[in-house]
Amino acid sequence: MMDDYSFGWHIGMSLVWLVFLIVVAYLIYKLIKQEKIFAPSRQVAKSAEDILSERYAKGELTRDQYMQMKEDLKKDQ
């Protein structure tokens, strides 16, 4: 025969597990919705001019180098 303390303990633990399962289900839902796990990356390929501009913005190229490379790219097109 169960006493009041034992019954309360079972209800409490059941609620803890229920909350835990709800949190896990929510996290799985958010991961799937953000498509970070199951969907392939949707990055668009950068053009050579975009990459060149990024390198110039980062300071990897001087202005002269940037202008020369930009001209070279326009000649190739």
PDB file of N, CA and C in Angstrom:
ATOM      1  N   MET A   1       0.839  -1.174   0.000  1.00  0.00           N
ATOM      2  CA  MET A   1       0.000   0.000   0.000  1.00  0.00           C
ATOM      3  C   MET A   1       0.889   1.243   0.000  1.00  0.00           C
ATOM      4  N   MET A   2       0.576   2.220  -0.858  1.00  0.00           N
ATOM      5  CA  MET A   2       1.406   3.413  -0.980  1.00  0.00           C
ATOM      6  C   MET A   2       0.923   4.467   0.007  1.00  0.00           C
ATOM      7  N   ASP A   3       1.902   5.106   0.652  1.00  0.00           N
ATOM      8  CA  ASP A   3       1.531   6.208   1.537  1.00  0.00           C
ATOM      9  C   ASP A   3       1.579   7.523   0.764  1.00  0.00           C
ATOM     10  N   ASP A   4       1.211   8.613   1.372  1.00  0.00           N
ATOM     11  CA  ASP A   4       1.148   9.910   0.702  1.00  0.00           C
ATOM     12  C   ASP A   4       2.509  10.375   0.218  1.00  0.00           C
ATOM     13  N   TYR A   5       3.561  10.115   0.959  1.00  0.00           N
ATOM     14  CA  TYR A   5       4.907  10.546   0.583  1.00  0.00           C
ATOM     15  C   TYR A   5       5.366   9.842  -0.697  1.00  0.00           C
ATOM     16  N   SER A   6       5.145   8.546  -0.785  1.00  0.00           N
ATOM     17  CA  SER A   6       5.544   7.770  -1.953  1.00  0.00           C
ATOM     18  C   SER A   6       4.762   8.215  -3.186  1.00  0.00           C
ATOM     19  N   PHE A   7       3.485   8.467  -3.046  1.00  0.00           N
ATOM     20  CA  PHE A   7       2.660   8.905  -4.163  1.00  0.00           C
ATOM     21  C   PHE A   7       3.151  10.259  -4.687  1.00  0.00           C
ATOM     22  N   GLY A   8       3.458  11.161  -3.805  1.00  0.00           N
ATOM     23  CA  GLY A   8       3.966  12.478  -4.191  1.00  0.00           C
ATOM     24  C   GLY A   8       5.299  12.380  -4.899  1.00  0.00           C
ATOM     25  N   TRP A   9       6.145  11.494  -4.445  1.00  0.00           N
ATOM     26  CA  TRP A   9       7.456  11.284  -5.063  1.00  0.00           C
ATOM     27  C   TRP A   9       7.298  10.809  -6.507  1.00  0.00           C
ATOM     28  N   HIS A  10       6.398   9.888  -6.745  1.00  0.00           N
ATOM     29  CA  HIS A  10       6.167   9.367  -8.095  1.00  0.00           C
ATOM     30  C   HIS A  10       5.618  10.454  -9.007  1.00  0.00           C
ATOM     31  N   ILE A  11       4.702  11.255  -8.528  1.00  0.00           N
ATOM     32  CA  ILE A  11       4.154  12.357  -9.323  1.00  0.00           C
ATOM     33  C   ILE A  11       5.258  13.360  -9.637  1.00  0.00           C
ATOM     34  N   GLY A  12       6.074  13.698  -8.656  1.00  0.00           N
ATOM     35  CA  GLY A  12       7.160  14.663  -8.847  1.00  0.00           C
ATOM     36  C   GLY A  12       8.168  14.187  -9.873  1.00  0.00           C
ATOM     37  N   MET A  13       8.578  12.948  -9.790  1.00  0.00           N
ATOM     38  CA  MET A  13       9.550  12.409 -10.742  1.00  0.00           C
ATOM     39  C   MET A  13       8.950  12.311 -12.143  1.00  0.00           C
ATOM     40  N   SER A  14       7.679  11.991 -12.213  1.00  0.00           N
ATOM     41  CA  SER A  14       7.018  11.945 -13.517  1.00  0.00           C
ATOM     42  C   SER A  14       7.020  13.325 -14.152  1.00  0.00           C
ATOM     43  N   LEU A  15       6.774  14.354 -13.362  1.00  0.00           N
ATOM     44  CA  LEU A  15       6.785  15.719 -13.883  1.00  0.00           C
ATOM     45  C   LEU A  15       8.178  16.133 -14.329  1.00  0.00           C
ATOM     46  N   VAL A  16       9.192  15.727 -13.578  1.00  0.00           N
ATOM     47  CA  VAL A  16      10.573  16.047 -13.962  1.00  0.00           C
ATOM     48  C   VAL A  16      10.896  15.420 -15.310  1.00  0.00           C
ATOM     49  N   TRP A  17      10.547  14.169 -15.497  1.00  0.00           N
ATOM     50  CA  TRP A  17      10.797  13.501 -16.778  1.00  0.00           C
ATOM     51  C   TRP A  17       9.993  14.134 -17.906  1.00  0.00           C
ATOM     52  N   LEU A  18       8.772  14.530 -17.626  1.00  0.00           N
ATOM     53  CA  LEU A  18       7.933  15.163 -18.631  1.00  0.00           C
ATOM     54  C   LEU A  18       8.543  16.492 -19.077  1.00  0.00           C
ATOM     55  N   VAL A  19       8.999  17.288 -18.136  1.00  0.00           N
ATOM     56  CA  VAL A  19       9.644  18.559 -18.469  1.00  0.00           C
ATOM     57  C   VAL A  19      10.920  18.305 -19.269  1.00  0.00           C
ATOM     58  N   PHE A  20      11.704  17.315 -18.866  1.00  0.00           N
ATOM     59  CA  PHE A  20      12.942  16.979 -19.568  1.00  0.00           C
ATOM     60  C   PHE A  20      12.647  16.593 -21.019  1.00  0.00           C
ATOM     61  N   LEU A  21      11.655  15.746 -21.233  1.00  0.00           N
ATOM     62  CA  LEU A  21      11.307  15.318 -22.591  1.00  0.00           C
ATOM     63  C   LEU A  21      10.786  16.481 -23.434  1.00  0.00           C
ATOM     64  N   ILE A  22      10.039  17.385 -22.820  1.00  0.00           N
ATOM     65  CA  ILE A  22       9.546  18.557 -23.549  1.00  0.00           C
ATOM     66  C   ILE A  22      10.712  19.443 -23.977  1.00  0.00           C
ATOM     67  N   VAL A  23      11.679  19.642 -23.091  1.00  0.00           N
ATOM     68  CA  VAL A  23      12.855  20.459 -23.422  1.00  0.00           C
ATOM     69  C   VAL A  23      13.658  19.813 -24.550  1.00  0.00           C
ATOM     70  N   VAL A  24      13.874  18.519 -24.492  1.00  0.00           N
ATOM     71  CA  VAL A  24      14.619  17.817 -25.544  1.00  0.00           C
ATOM     72  C   VAL A  24      13.876  17.917 -26.876  1.00  0.00           C
ATOM     73  N   ALA A  25      12.577  17.713 -26.856  1.00  0.00           N
ATOM     74  CA  ALA A  25      11.785  17.811 -28.090  1.00  0.00           C
ATOM     75  C   ALA A  25      11.856  19.228 -28.659  1.00  0.00           C
ATOM     76  N   TYR A  26      11.805  20.232 -27.813  1.00  0.00           N
ATOM     77  CA  TYR A  26      11.892  21.624 -28.261  1.00  0.00           C
ATOM     78  C   TYR A  26      13.250  21.899 -28.905  1.00  0.00           C
ATOM     79  N   LEU A  27      14.323  21.426 -28.290  1.00  0.00           N
ATOM     80  CA  LEU A  27      15.656  21.638 -28.855  1.00  0.00           C
ATOM     81  C   LEU A  27      15.808  20.950 -30.210  1.00  0.00           C
ATOM     82  N   ILE A  28      15.298  19.756 -30.331  1.00  0.00           N
ATOM     83  CA  ILE A  28      15.346  19.049 -31.614  1.00  0.00           C
ATOM     84  C   ILE A  28      14.540  19.820 -32.655  1.00  0.00           C
ATOM     85  N   TYR A  29      13.379  20.303 -32.288  1.00  0.00           N
ATOM     86  CA  TYR A  29      12.546  21.101 -33.201  1.00  0.00           C
ATOM     87  C   TYR A  29      13.306  22.341 -33.674  1.00  0.00           C
ATOM     88  N   LYS A  30      13.956  23.056 -32.754  1.00  0.00           N
ATOM     89  CA  LYS A  30      14.688  24.268 -33.130  1.00  0.00           C
ATOM     90  C   LYS A  30      15.854  23.946 -34.065  1.00  0.00           C
ATOM     91  N   LEU A  31      16.557  22.861 -33.818  1.00  0.00           N
ATOM     92  CA  LEU A  31      17.670  22.485 -34.681  1.00  0.00           C
ATOM     93  C   LEU A  31      17.192  22.142 -36.090  1.00  0.00           C
ATOM     94  N   ILE A  32      16.103  21.411 -36.172  1.00  0.00           N
ATOM     95  CA  ILE A  32      15.562  21.049 -37.480  1.00  0.00           C
ATOM     96  C   ILE A  32      15.041  22.291 -38.195  1.00  0.00           C
ATOM     97  N   LYS A  33      14.371  23.149 -37.469  1.00  0.00           N
ATOM     98  CA  LYS A  33      13.808  24.365 -38.070  1.00  0.00           C
ATOM     99  C   LYS A  33      14.904  25.271 -38.609  1.00  0.00           C
ATOM    100  N   GLN A  34      16.024  25.354 -37.908  1.00  0.00           N
ATOM    101  CA  GLN A  34      17.132  26.186 -38.362  1.00  0.00           C
ATOM    102  C   GLN A  34      17.928  25.508 -39.459  1.00  0.00           C
ATOM    103  N   GLU A  35      17.663  24.239 -39.695  1.00  0.00           N
ATOM    104  CA  GLU A  35      18.296  23.465 -40.762  1.00  0.00           C
ATOM    105  C   GLU A  35      19.819  23.435 -40.633  1.00  0.00           C
ATOM    106  N   LYS A  36      20.299  23.431 -39.431  1.00  0.00           N
ATOM    107  CA  LYS A  36      21.748  23.386 -39.235  1.00  0.00           C
ATOM    108  C   LYS A  36      22.286  21.966 -39.324  1.00  0.00           C
ATOM    109  N   ILE A  37      21.439  20.993 -39.114  1.00  0.00           N
ATOM    110  CA  ILE A  37      21.918  19.606 -39.110  1.00  0.00           C
ATOM    111  C   ILE A  37      21.552  18.885 -40.404  1.00  0.00           C
ATOM    112  N   PHE A  38      20.289  18.967 -40.802  1.00  0.00           N
ATOM    113  CA  PHE A  38      19.797  18.109 -41.862  1.00  0.00           C
ATOM    114  C   PHE A  38      19.837  18.721 -43.252  1.00  0.00           C
ATOM    115  N   ALA A  39      19.928  20.016 -43.355  1.00  0.00           N
ATOM    116  CA  ALA A  39      19.926  20.659 -44.676  1.00  0.00           C
ATOM    117  C   ALA A  39      21.357  21.000 -45.086  1.00  0.00           C
ATOM    118  N   PRO A  40      21.659  20.848 -46.354  1.00  0.00           N
ATOM    119  CA  PRO A  40      22.993  21.233 -46.810  1.00  0.00           C
ATOM    120  C   PRO A  40      23.165  22.745 -46.722  1.00  0.00           C
ATOM    121  N   SER A  41      24.387  23.162 -46.699  1.00  0.00           N
ATOM    122  CA  SER A  41      24.685  24.587 -46.616  1.00  0.00           C
ATOM    123  C   SER A  41      24.151  25.298 -47.848  1.00  0.00           C
ATOM    124  N   ARG A  42      23.583  26.465 -47.623  1.00  0.00           N
ATOM    125  CA  ARG A  42      23.008  27.226 -48.729  1.00  0.00           C
ATOM    126  C   ARG A  42      23.862  28.440 -49.071  1.00  0.00           C
ATOM    127  N   GLN A  43      25.139  28.312 -48.922  1.00  0.00           N
ATOM    128  CA  GLN A  43      26.014  29.421 -49.254  1.00  0.00           C
ATOM    129  C   GLN A  43      26.086  29.578 -50.764  1.00  0.00           C
ATOM    130  N   VAL A  44      26.007  30.807 -51.179  1.00  0.00           N
ATOM    131  CA  VAL A  44      26.112  31.120 -52.591  1.00  0.00           C
ATOM    132  C   VAL A  44      27.593  31.305 -52.903  1.00  0.00           C
ATOM    133  N   ALA A  45      28.010  30.751 -54.028  1.00  0.00           N
ATOM    134  CA  ALA A  45      29.415  30.875 -54.413  1.00  0.00           C
ATOM    135  C   ALA A  45      29.753  32.345 -54.637  1.00  0.00           C
ATOM    136  N   LYS A  46      30.885  32.750 -54.096  1.00  0.00           N
ATOM    137  CA  LYS A  46      31.319  34.137 -54.227  1.00  0.00           C
ATOM    138  C   LYS A  46      32.061  34.319 -55.544  1.00  0.00           C
ATOM    139  N   SER A  47      31.861  35.469 -56.110  1.00  0.00           N
ATOM    140  CA  SER A  47      32.583  35.771 -57.342  1.00  0.00           C
ATOM    141  C   SER A  47      34.008  36.174 -56.983  1.00  0.00           C
ATOM    142  N   ALA A  48      34.869  36.160 -57.974  1.00  0.00           N
ATOM    143  CA  ALA A  48      36.263  36.546 -57.757  1.00  0.00           C
ATOM    144  C   ALA A  48      36.351  37.994 -57.281  1.00  0.00           C
ATOM    145  N   GLU A  49      35.473  38.837 -57.811  1.00  0.00           N
ATOM    146  CA  GLU A  49      35.481  40.244 -57.408  1.00  0.00           C
ATOM    147  C   GLU A  49      35.044  40.408 -55.946  1.00  0.00           C
ATOM    148  N   ASP A  50      34.097  39.593 -55.498  1.00  0.00           N
ATOM    149  CA  ASP A  50      33.675  39.633 -54.098  1.00  0.00           C
ATOM    150  C   ASP A  50      34.820  39.227 -53.173  1.00  0.00           C
ATOM    151  N   ILE A  51      35.517  38.168 -53.545  1.00  0.00           N
ATOM    152  CA  ILE A  51      36.642  37.697 -52.744  1.00  0.00           C
ATOM    153  C   ILE A  51      37.737  38.755 -52.710  1.00  0.00           C
ATOM    154  N   LEU A  52      37.987  39.369 -53.843  1.00  0.00           N
ATOM    155  CA  LEU A  52      38.995  40.428 -53.912  1.00  0.00           C
ATOM    156  C   LEU A  52      38.611  41.592 -53.004  1.00  0.00           C
ATOM    157  N   SER A  53      37.355  41.987 -53.044  1.00  0.00           N
ATOM    158  CA  SER A  53      36.890  43.092 -52.195  1.00  0.00           C
ATOM    159  C   SER A  53      37.013  42.753 -50.714  1.00  0.00           C
ATOM    160  N   GLU A  54      36.702  41.522 -50.359  1.00  0.00           N
ATOM    161  CA  GLU A  54      36.845  41.092 -48.964  1.00  0.00           C
ATOM    162  C   GLU A  54      38.304  41.146 -48.519  1.00  0.00           C
ATOM    163  N   ARG A  55      39.193  40.675 -49.356  1.00  0.00           N
ATOM    164  CA  ARG A  55      40.619  40.696 -49.007  1.00  0.00           C
ATOM    165  C   ARG A  55      41.108  42.125 -48.827  1.00  0.00           C
ATOM    166  N   TYR A  56      40.639  43.039 -49.662  1.00  0.00           N
ATOM    167  CA  TYR A  56      41.019  44.444 -49.541  1.00  0.00           C
ATOM    168  C   TYR A  56      40.459  45.031 -48.242  1.00  0.00           C
ATOM    169  N   ALA A  57      39.221  44.688 -47.935  1.00  0.00           N
ATOM    170  CA  ALA A  57      38.589  45.177 -46.705  1.00  0.00           C
ATOM    171  C   ALA A  57      39.302  44.660 -45.456  1.00  0.00           C
ATOM    172  N   LYS A  58      39.830  43.451 -45.517  1.00  0.00           N
ATOM    173  CA  LYS A  58      40.557  42.884 -44.379  1.00  0.00           C
ATOM    174  C   LYS A  58      41.959  43.451 -44.244  1.00  0.00           C
ATOM    175  N   GLY A  59      42.410  44.165 -45.265  1.00  0.00           N
ATOM    176  CA  GLY A  59      43.757  44.736 -45.219  1.00  0.00           C
ATOM    177  C   GLY A  59      44.823  43.807 -45.750  1.00  0.00           C
ATOM    178  N   GLU A  60      44.423  42.742 -46.418  1.00  0.00           N
ATOM    179  CA  GLU A  60      45.397  41.803 -46.972  1.00  0.00           C
ATOM    180  C   GLU A  60      46.061  42.357 -48.232  1.00  0.00           C
ATOM    181  N   LEU A  61      45.413  43.329 -48.869  1.00  0.00           N
ATOM    182  CA  LEU A  61      45.936  43.908 -50.106  1.00  0.00           C
ATOM    183  C   LEU A  61      46.058  45.420 -49.951  1.00  0.00           C
ATOM    184  N   THR A  62      47.053  45.981 -50.610  1.00  0.00           N
ATOM    185  CA  THR A  62      47.148  47.436 -50.664  1.00  0.00           C
ATOM    186  C   THR A  62      46.169  47.935 -51.717  1.00  0.00           C
ATOM    187  N   ARG A  63      45.961  49.243 -51.754  1.00  0.00           N
ATOM    188  CA  ARG A  63      45.052  49.819 -52.735  1.00  0.00           C
ATOM    189  C   ARG A  63      45.556  49.553 -54.150  1.00  0.00           C
ATOM    190  N   ASP A  64      46.871  49.696 -54.354  1.00  0.00           N
ATOM    191  CA  ASP A  64      47.441  49.457 -55.683  1.00  0.00           C
ATOM    192  C   ASP A  64      47.235  48.008 -56.131  1.00  0.00           C
ATOM    193  N   GLN A  65      47.477  47.073 -55.220  1.00  0.00           N
ATOM    194  CA  GLN A  65      47.272  45.663 -55.543  1.00  0.00           C
ATOM    195  C   GLN A  65      45.799  45.406 -55.884  1.00  0.00           C
ATOM    196  N   TYR A  66      44.919  45.970 -55.077  1.00  0.00           N
ATOM    197  CA  TYR A  66      43.487  45.787 -55.289  1.00  0.00           C
ATOM    198  C   TYR A  66      43.074  46.308 -56.664  1.00  0.00           C
ATOM    199  N   MET A  67      43.496  47.536 -56.993  1.00  0.00           N
ATOM    200  CA  MET A  67      43.108  48.138 -58.273  1.00  0.00           C
ATOM    201  C   MET A  67      43.661  47.337 -59.455  1.00  0.00           C
ATOM    202  N   GLN A  68      44.910  46.862 -59.326  1.00  0.00           N
ATOM    203  CA  GLN A  68      45.524  46.082 -60.398  1.00  0.00           C
ATOM    204  C   GLN A  68      44.783  44.763 -60.606  1.00  0.00           C
ATOM    205  N   MET A  69      44.487  44.074 -59.512  1.00  0.00           N
ATOM    206  CA  MET A  69      43.787  42.794 -59.616  1.00  0.00           C
ATOM    207  C   MET A  69      42.367  42.987 -60.149  1.00  0.00           C
ATOM    208  N   LYS A  70      41.733  44.071 -59.759  1.00  0.00           N
ATOM    209  CA  LYS A  70      40.390  44.349 -60.242  1.00  0.00           C
ATOM    210  C   LYS A  70      40.400  44.596 -61.761  1.00  0.00           C
ATOM    211  N   GLU A  71      41.401  45.310 -62.214  1.00  0.00           N
ATOM    212  CA  GLU A  71      41.553  45.523 -63.666  1.00  0.00           C
ATOM    213  C   GLU A  71      41.786  44.203 -64.384  1.00  0.00           C
ATOM    214  N   ASP A  72      42.651  43.371 -63.801  1.00  0.00           N
ATOM    215  CA  ASP A  72      42.939  42.070 -64.407  1.00  0.00           C
ATOM    216  C   ASP A  72      41.670  41.222 -64.530  1.00  0.00           C
ATOM    217  N   LEU A  73      40.838  41.279 -63.521  1.00  0.00           N
ATOM    218  CA  LEU A  73      39.587  40.513 -63.569  1.00  0.00           C
ATOM    219  C   LEU A  73      38.656  41.034 -64.658  1.00  0.00           C
ATOM    220  N   LYS A  74      38.601  42.311 -64.818  1.00  0.00           N
ATOM    221  CA  LYS A  74      37.745  42.886 -65.854  1.00  0.00           C
ATOM    222  C   LYS A  74      38.245  42.540 -67.250  1.00  0.00           C
ATOM    223  N   LYS A  75      39.573  42.437 -67.410  1.00  0.00           N
ATOM    224  CA  LYS A  75      40.137  42.060 -68.698  1.00  0.00           C
ATOM    225  C   LYS A  75      39.797  40.613 -69.057  1.00  0.00           C
ATOM    226  N   ASP A  76      39.753  39.761 -68.043  1.00  0.00           N
ATOM    227  CA  ASP A  76      39.480  38.349 -68.273  1.00  0.00           C
ATOM    228  C   ASP A  76      38.033  38.088 -68.693  1.00  0.00           C
ATOM    229  N   GLN A  77      37.153  39.005 -68.404  1.00  0.00           N
ATOM    230  CA  GLN A  77      35.724  38.797 -68.709  1.00  0.00           C
ATOM    231  C   GLN A  77      35.434  39.073 -70.104  1.00  0.00           C
TER     232      GLN A  77
END
